[in-house]
Protein backbone atom coordinates (compact mmCIF):
# COMPACT_ATOMS: atom_id res chain seq x y z
CA UNK A 1 117.49 92.64 122.59
CA UNK A 2 118.10 91.03 119.48
CA UNK A 3 115.23 88.04 118.64
CA UNK A 4 116.54 84.70 117.40
CA UNK A 5 117.08 83.97 113.55
CA UNK A 6 114.27 81.35 112.92
CA UNK A 7 111.68 84.28 114.41
CA UNK A 8 113.26 86.76 112.24
CA UNK A 9 113.28 84.15 109.05
CA UNK A 10 109.99 83.39 110.08
CA UNK A 11 109.33 87.23 109.35
CA UNK A 12 111.18 87.74 106.42
CA UNK A 13 109.17 84.44 104.59
CA UNK A 14 106.09 86.12 105.90
CA UNK A 15 107.05 89.77 104.33
CA UNK A 16 108.46 88.01 101.08
CA UNK A 17 105.11 86.07 100.33
CA UNK A 18 103.04 89.60 101.01
CA UNK A 19 105.70 90.62 98.32
CA UNK A 20 105.40 88.07 96.40
CA UNK A 21 101.50 88.63 96.15
CA UNK A 22 101.63 91.84 95.59
CA UNK A 23 104.29 91.52 92.39
CA UNK A 24 101.66 88.89 90.93
CA UNK A 25 99.10 91.25 91.18
CA UNK A 26 100.74 94.26 89.66
CA UNK A 27 101.85 92.03 86.48
CA UNK A 28 98.41 91.32 86.34
CA UNK A 29 97.29 94.39 86.19
CA UNK A 30 99.51 95.99 83.99
CA UNK A 31 98.36 93.24 81.70
CA UNK A 32 94.88 94.46 81.69
CA UNK A 33 94.07 97.39 79.55
CA UNK A 34 94.25 101.17 80.66
CA UNK A 35 90.46 102.49 80.37
CA UNK A 36 90.95 106.24 81.09
CA UNK A 37 87.00 107.31 82.35
CA UNK A 38 85.94 104.27 83.23
CA UNK A 39 84.75 103.31 86.75
CA UNK A 40 82.08 104.04 89.62
CA UNK A 41 81.72 107.93 88.89
CA UNK A 42 80.85 106.98 85.22
CA UNK A 43 79.89 103.85 84.90
CA UNK A 44 76.36 103.73 83.23
CA UNK A 45 77.94 105.73 80.09
CA UNK A 46 80.75 102.60 80.02
CA UNK A 47 80.10 99.24 78.33
CA UNK A 48 79.86 96.55 80.57
CA UNK A 49 83.21 94.63 79.66
CA UNK A 50 85.13 97.71 79.88
CA UNK A 51 84.01 98.80 83.28
CA UNK A 52 84.31 95.32 84.62
CA UNK A 53 88.51 95.60 83.03
CA UNK A 54 88.79 99.03 84.78
CA UNK A 55 87.50 97.87 88.06
CA UNK A 56 89.43 94.52 87.93
CA UNK A 57 92.21 96.57 87.09
CA UNK A 58 92.00 99.22 89.85
CA UNK A 59 91.50 96.04 92.33
CA UNK A 60 94.56 94.63 91.36
CA UNK A 61 96.37 97.97 92.19
CA UNK A 62 94.67 98.17 95.44
CA UNK A 63 95.27 94.82 96.55
CA UNK A 64 99.02 94.99 95.67
CA UNK A 65 99.20 98.79 97.31
CA UNK A 66 97.44 97.20 100.50
CA UNK A 67 100.28 94.55 100.64
CA UNK A 68 103.31 96.64 99.95
CA UNK A 69 101.60 98.87 102.41
CA UNK A 70 101.47 95.41 105.35
CA UNK A 71 105.20 95.18 104.72
CA UNK A 72 106.22 98.94 104.65
CA UNK A 73 104.60 99.63 107.88
CA UNK A 74 107.10 101.22 109.96
CA UNK A 75 104.73 101.29 113.26
CA UNK A 76 107.01 99.74 116.17
CA UNK A 77 104.99 96.77 116.55
CA UNK A 78 104.75 95.99 112.89
CA UNK A 79 106.70 92.53 112.27
CA UNK A 80 107.56 93.99 108.50
CA UNK A 81 110.74 95.14 106.51
CA UNK A 82 111.26 97.61 109.08
CA UNK A 83 111.40 95.34 112.05
CA UNK A 84 113.76 93.47 109.67
CA UNK A 85 116.02 95.82 109.48
CA UNK A 86 115.96 97.02 113.33
CA UNK A 87 116.42 93.92 114.15
CA UNK A 88 119.13 92.75 112.09
CA UNK A 89 120.85 95.98 111.44
CA UNK A 90 124.56 94.92 110.47
CA UNK A 91 122.86 92.09 108.29
CA UNK A 92 120.58 94.74 106.32
CA UNK A 93 123.69 96.93 105.73
CA UNK A 94 125.81 94.47 104.18
CA UNK A 95 122.15 92.79 102.11
CA UNK A 96 121.49 96.67 101.07
CA UNK A 97 124.87 97.28 99.57
CA UNK A 98 125.02 93.64 98.25
CA UNK A 99 121.67 94.22 96.20
CA UNK A 100 122.58 98.25 95.07
CA UNK A 101 120.06 99.41 97.41
CA UNK A 102 119.56 102.33 99.13
CA UNK A 103 117.85 102.53 102.54
CA UNK A 104 117.48 105.82 101.98
CA UNK A 105 114.94 105.20 98.74
CA UNK A 106 113.32 102.61 100.69
CA UNK A 107 112.70 104.90 103.75
CA UNK A 108 111.50 107.95 101.81
CA UNK A 109 109.36 104.88 99.68
CA UNK A 110 108.09 104.13 103.16
CA UNK A 111 107.03 107.90 103.75
CA UNK A 112 105.17 107.92 100.85
CA UNK A 113 102.90 104.66 101.69
CA UNK A 114 102.06 105.88 104.56
CA UNK A 115 100.80 109.03 103.43
CA UNK A 116 98.62 107.32 101.00
CA UNK A 117 97.71 104.35 103.85
CA UNK A 118 96.89 107.47 105.79
CA UNK A 119 94.44 109.61 103.45
CA UNK A 120 93.18 107.45 100.97
CA UNK A 121 94.17 103.35 101.68
CA UNK A 122 92.33 102.93 104.95
CA UNK A 123 90.88 106.50 105.90
CA UNK A 124 88.59 108.98 104.04
CA UNK A 125 90.72 112.17 104.58
CA UNK A 126 88.73 115.53 104.40
CA UNK A 127 90.86 116.62 101.65
CA UNK A 128 89.88 113.84 99.46
CA UNK A 129 85.88 114.27 100.08
CA UNK A 130 85.59 116.64 96.74
CA UNK A 131 86.79 114.50 94.61
CA UNK A 132 86.34 110.91 94.61
CA UNK A 133 86.99 109.64 91.24
CA UNK A 134 90.44 111.65 91.73
CA UNK A 135 91.38 109.59 94.88
CA UNK A 136 90.72 106.43 93.05
CA UNK A 137 92.07 106.72 89.64
CA UNK A 138 94.90 108.96 90.43
CA UNK A 139 97.15 106.92 92.88
CA UNK A 140 100.24 109.00 94.38
CA UNK A 141 102.58 106.10 93.60
CA UNK A 142 101.77 104.37 90.30
CA UNK A 143 102.18 101.01 89.41
CA UNK A 144 105.95 101.32 88.09
CA UNK A 145 107.03 102.40 90.87
CA UNK A 146 105.14 100.06 93.30
CA UNK A 147 106.46 97.30 91.72
CA UNK A 148 110.30 98.67 92.09
CA UNK A 149 109.16 98.78 95.83
CA UNK A 150 108.13 95.44 96.21
CA UNK A 151 111.27 94.13 94.05
CA UNK A 152 113.51 96.29 95.87
CA UNK A 153 112.23 94.91 99.01
CA UNK A 154 111.87 91.28 98.15
CA UNK A 155 115.80 91.18 97.09
CA UNK A 156 116.25 92.74 100.39
CA UNK A 157 114.86 90.88 102.61
CA UNK A 158 116.02 87.54 100.41
CA UNK A 159 119.61 88.93 100.75
CA UNK A 160 119.17 89.20 104.85
CA UNK A 161 117.65 85.79 104.90
CA UNK A 162 120.53 84.57 103.08
CA UNK A 163 123.12 86.37 105.47
CA UNK A 164 121.34 84.72 108.44
CA UNK A 165 120.99 81.24 106.75
CA UNK A 166 123.46 80.49 103.66
CA UNK A 167 121.52 77.00 103.99
CA UNK A 168 117.90 77.66 103.54
CA UNK A 169 116.05 77.48 100.17
CA UNK A 170 116.71 81.17 98.41
CA UNK A 171 113.39 83.33 98.62
CA UNK A 172 112.39 84.49 95.27
CA UNK A 173 109.21 86.11 93.86
CA UNK A 174 107.03 84.32 91.67
CA UNK A 175 108.02 84.35 87.53
CA UNK A 176 104.20 85.37 87.08
CA UNK A 177 104.03 88.01 84.02
CA UNK A 178 100.21 88.46 83.30
CA UNK A 179 100.77 86.70 80.03
CA UNK A 180 97.78 84.72 80.84
CA UNK A 181 95.57 87.60 81.17
CA UNK A 182 96.77 88.86 78.30
CA UNK A 183 95.92 85.43 76.05
CA UNK A 184 92.46 85.30 78.12
CA UNK A 185 91.72 89.21 76.95
CA UNK A 186 92.94 88.40 73.27
CA UNK A 187 90.67 85.01 73.35
CA UNK A 188 88.02 87.03 74.16
CA UNK A 189 88.20 89.61 71.53
CA UNK A 190 88.81 86.95 68.80
CA UNK A 191 84.76 85.63 70.12
CA UNK A 192 83.19 89.13 70.52
CA UNK A 193 84.09 90.04 66.64
CA UNK A 194 83.41 86.35 65.31
């Protein structure tokens, strides 16, 4: 039985909201400097500001990853991207074609994210026991790849929503680009050098 379009629209809106938060966190993540060698394993040797920025950058990535994992969750009971694509298969295929998005690429991304979820994000996997800093600092999906997946999933869901109800307001990601984070860092740096 196919659910009514109002329920599917609500599921789409919830998933796009999750993707919007992920996209904003990835933009802020990208605005913060990448500080190699800074993190929990070597915190005593770091300056306080560098450690904080490294931890904040890592936290933004991890939170964006968590939100994206929820949207790409392919469990049969999850009301995620895959739920929408199962319920609205015909519309999803049309939307994917219109957006130039390959469903196979999204399936591959979903499989990679599932491995991350199961190995490092929500479980302590036996293979990560020997080198926890490696687990924290070398994500198998980098921020650029994650951002591409977020934007592709949001575009696809928005296109399906439009096919279901062309009169409804369009769904879009926020235009946040992290410029405020860069400005705050510049202001802090200028105060520190004064």
